[in-house]
Protein backbone atom coordinates (compact mmCIF):
# COMPACT_ATOMS: atom_id res chain seq x y z
CA UNK A 1 57.25 123.94 162.14
CA UNK A 2 59.20 123.64 165.41
CA UNK A 3 60.50 120.07 165.65
CA UNK A 4 60.78 118.79 169.24
CA UNK A 5 62.32 115.83 171.06
CA UNK A 6 61.11 115.13 174.60
CA UNK A 7 63.17 113.18 177.18
CA UNK A 8 61.27 112.08 180.29
CA UNK A 9 61.50 108.79 182.19
CA UNK A 10 57.90 108.91 183.46
CA UNK A 11 55.89 107.33 180.66
CA UNK A 12 52.57 109.00 181.47
CA UNK A 13 54.10 112.48 181.60
CA UNK A 14 56.08 111.81 178.43
CA UNK A 15 52.91 110.85 176.58
CA UNK A 16 50.83 113.73 177.96
CA UNK A 17 53.49 116.33 177.20
CA UNK A 18 53.89 115.01 173.66
CA UNK A 19 50.15 115.11 173.03
CA UNK A 20 49.77 118.65 174.36
CA UNK A 21 52.66 120.02 172.29
CA UNK A 22 51.38 118.26 169.15
CA UNK A 23 48.14 120.23 169.54
CA UNK A 24 50.06 123.42 168.80
CA UNK A 25 49.78 124.39 165.12
CA UNK A 26 53.47 125.16 164.72
CA UNK A 27 54.95 122.32 166.81
CA UNK A 28 55.64 118.66 166.13
CA UNK A 29 57.07 116.11 168.57
CA UNK A 30 59.39 114.05 166.37
CA UNK A 31 60.95 111.87 169.07
CA UNK A 32 60.50 110.67 172.65
CA UNK A 33 63.26 109.38 174.92
CA UNK A 34 63.07 107.70 178.32
CA UNK A 35 66.64 108.45 179.36
CA UNK A 36 69.45 110.88 178.64
CA UNK A 37 71.34 108.56 176.30
CA UNK A 38 68.25 108.04 174.14
CA UNK A 39 67.83 111.83 174.06
CA UNK A 40 71.40 112.31 172.82
CA UNK A 41 70.91 109.67 170.12
CA UNK A 42 67.60 111.15 168.96
CA UNK A 43 68.91 114.71 168.83
CA UNK A 44 71.94 113.64 166.80
CA UNK A 45 69.89 111.55 164.37
CA UNK A 46 66.75 113.72 164.03
CA UNK A 47 68.36 117.15 164.46
CA UNK A 48 65.29 118.76 166.08
CA UNK A 49 64.99 122.46 166.85
CA UNK A 50 64.32 121.87 170.55
CA UNK A 51 64.92 119.12 173.08
CA UNK A 52 62.95 119.25 176.33
CA UNK A 53 64.62 117.20 179.06
CA UNK A 54 64.04 116.14 182.62
CA UNK A 55 67.12 116.03 184.86
CA UNK A 56 66.70 112.86 186.91
CA UNK A 57 66.74 110.11 184.27
CA UNK A 58 68.45 106.70 184.13
CA UNK A 59 71.64 105.85 182.20
CA UNK A 60 72.44 109.52 181.54
CA UNK A 61 70.87 112.50 183.32
CA UNK A 62 69.40 115.47 181.50
CA UNK A 63 72.39 117.58 182.54
CA UNK A 64 74.82 114.95 181.22
CA UNK A 65 72.92 114.91 177.93
CA UNK A 66 72.81 118.72 177.76
CA UNK A 67 76.58 118.90 178.21
CA UNK A 68 77.07 116.36 175.42
CA UNK A 69 74.74 118.26 173.10
CA UNK A 70 75.94 121.80 173.74
CA UNK A 71 77.81 121.97 170.41
CA UNK A 72 74.70 121.03 168.38
CA UNK A 73 72.15 123.41 166.84
CA UNK A 74 69.39 122.00 169.06
CA UNK A 75 68.06 124.33 171.77
CA UNK A 76 67.96 122.51 175.12
CA UNK A 77 65.21 123.16 177.64
CA UNK A 78 65.39 121.59 181.09
CA UNK A 79 61.92 120.84 182.49
CA UNK A 80 62.19 119.54 186.03
CA UNK A 81 60.77 119.47 189.54
CA UNK A 82 64.22 120.23 190.99
CA UNK A 83 64.78 123.91 191.78
CA UNK A 84 68.40 123.48 192.87
CA UNK A 85 70.95 126.21 192.40
CA UNK A 86 73.71 123.66 191.73
CA UNK A 87 71.71 122.06 188.93
CA UNK A 88 70.84 125.47 187.48
CA UNK A 89 74.47 126.59 187.46
CA UNK A 90 75.55 123.41 185.70
CA UNK A 91 72.73 123.75 183.15
CA UNK A 92 73.68 127.37 182.50
CA UNK A 93 77.31 126.39 181.95
CA UNK A 94 76.17 123.73 179.46
CA UNK A 95 74.45 126.40 177.36
CA UNK A 96 70.91 125.33 178.21
CA UNK A 97 68.49 127.88 176.73
CA UNK A 98 65.64 127.28 179.16
CA UNK A 99 65.25 125.93 182.68
CA UNK A 100 61.61 125.58 183.71
CA UNK A 101 59.71 123.90 186.51
CA UNK A 102 57.12 121.21 185.88
CA UNK A 103 54.43 122.84 188.00
CA UNK A 104 54.05 125.65 185.45
CA UNK A 105 51.08 125.43 183.02
CA UNK A 106 51.62 124.06 179.50
CA UNK A 107 50.95 127.55 178.10
CA UNK A 108 54.11 128.77 179.84
CA UNK A 109 56.14 126.01 178.20
CA UNK A 110 54.72 126.79 174.76
CA UNK A 111 55.44 130.50 175.21
CA UNK A 112 58.97 129.70 176.40
CA UNK A 113 59.64 127.47 173.38
CA UNK A 114 58.67 130.32 171.05
CA UNK A 115 60.88 132.77 172.95
CA UNK A 116 63.85 130.40 172.89
CA UNK A 117 63.45 129.79 169.15
CA UNK A 118 63.57 133.58 168.74
CA UNK A 119 66.95 133.60 170.48
CA UNK A 120 66.08 134.39 174.08
CA UNK A 121 66.92 132.46 177.23
CA UNK A 122 64.10 131.59 179.63
CA UNK A 123 64.81 130.67 183.24
CA UNK A 124 62.28 130.15 186.03
CA UNK A 125 62.36 133.23 188.33
CA UNK A 126 62.76 130.99 191.39
CA UNK A 127 66.04 129.66 189.98
CA UNK A 128 67.44 133.08 189.19
CA UNK A 129 66.69 134.25 192.73
CA UNK A 130 68.24 131.09 194.16
CA UNK A 131 71.38 131.42 192.04
CA UNK A 132 71.73 135.09 193.03
CA UNK A 133 71.36 134.24 196.72
CA UNK A 134 73.91 131.47 196.31
CA UNK A 135 76.43 133.91 194.80
CA UNK A 136 75.77 136.43 197.56
CA UNK A 137 76.17 133.97 200.40
CA UNK A 138 78.47 131.42 198.84
CA UNK A 139 80.61 129.75 201.45
CA UNK A 140 82.06 126.36 202.14
CA UNK A 141 79.17 124.12 203.32
CA UNK A 142 81.43 121.37 204.67
CA UNK A 143 82.50 120.82 208.24
CA UNK A 144 86.19 120.73 209.15
CA UNK A 145 86.12 116.91 209.28
CA UNK A 146 84.39 116.68 205.89
CA UNK A 147 87.07 118.95 204.41
CA UNK A 148 89.73 116.64 205.86
CA UNK A 149 88.07 113.64 204.21
CA UNK A 150 87.71 115.37 200.84
CA UNK A 151 91.31 116.55 200.93
CA UNK A 152 92.49 112.97 201.45
CA UNK A 153 90.19 111.83 198.62
CA UNK A 154 91.80 114.48 196.39
CA UNK A 155 95.21 113.02 197.24
CA UNK A 156 94.08 109.69 195.81
CA UNK A 157 93.65 107.90 199.13
CA UNK A 158 91.25 104.96 199.25
CA UNK A 159 88.38 104.70 201.72
CA UNK A 160 90.41 102.24 203.77
CA UNK A 161 93.49 104.49 203.80
CA UNK A 162 91.41 107.50 204.84
CA UNK A 163 89.79 105.47 207.62
CA UNK A 164 93.22 104.43 208.94
CA UNK A 165 94.63 107.96 208.79
CA UNK A 166 91.66 109.57 210.55
CA UNK A 167 91.05 106.67 212.99
CA UNK A 168 87.57 106.03 211.58
CA UNK A 169 85.80 102.96 210.26
CA UNK A 170 85.50 102.56 206.46
CA UNK A 171 81.71 102.78 206.85
CA UNK A 172 82.00 106.15 208.59
CA UNK A 173 84.27 107.42 205.83
CA UNK A 174 81.74 106.30 203.21
CA UNK A 175 79.02 108.17 205.13
CA UNK A 176 81.17 111.30 205.17
CA UNK A 177 81.73 111.04 201.42
CA UNK A 178 78.01 110.57 200.78
CA UNK A 179 77.25 113.66 202.87
CA UNK A 180 79.92 115.66 201.04
CA UNK A 181 78.44 114.77 197.63
CA UNK A 182 74.96 115.70 198.84
CA UNK A 183 76.04 119.04 200.31
CA UNK A 184 77.95 120.01 197.18
CA UNK A 185 75.18 118.82 194.84
CA UNK A 186 77.53 116.63 192.79
CA UNK A 187 77.41 113.01 191.63
CA UNK A 188 80.87 111.66 192.39
CA UNK A 189 84.19 112.30 194.09
CA UNK A 190 85.86 113.84 191.04
CA UNK A 191 83.09 116.42 190.67
CA UNK A 192 83.33 117.18 194.40
CA UNK A 193 87.08 117.77 194.21
CA UNK A 194 86.74 119.89 191.05
CA UNK A 195 83.97 122.06 192.51
CA UNK A 196 85.71 122.49 195.86
CA UNK A 197 88.91 123.47 194.12
CA UNK A 198 87.14 125.91 191.76
CA UNK A 199 85.53 127.66 194.72
CA UNK A 200 88.94 128.05 196.35
CA UNK A 201 87.82 126.19 199.50
CA UNK A 202 90.89 124.02 199.76
CA UNK A 203 93.32 125.75 202.09
């Protein structure tokens, strides 16, 4: 029997997905979580074979949870509506065994679970194409001014200090930082600095 934990913050989808998987003769949903932290707790306490997780969840995202669980025996499957190359790359680095999109039929999920249990990795074709394109065309997405702002952030400058140095208002600096995080597909300033540095985009 394949023991499964599902993490999904939309109650209706969580219930429907659990019911459909429980219909499979060799699968049992042993736990349901509504956020990433609950998922981590359930996986550590129940030690399931598979954990199926959404990405955008409160308290702790699916990617945060996957990173925390990468040293466990549980096979992590990301099931999401977000086909973003940045998310996919982070999931891949966290050792996620499957990355699937929610608009696929339940039969595809069931088939993927079996394949992953057998030791294979299953990634949605759209994500593989996107990641390949990203590698091919990878270049700094930030403008010169945005790079200036991020460089000052990396030096430990506060929003107010950056505003003074660049002759901008603090609100404008905050807008720049928000745009930078969005363009880089990261959650905070530290991740932005780390990613930008890893890509070698700091001059």
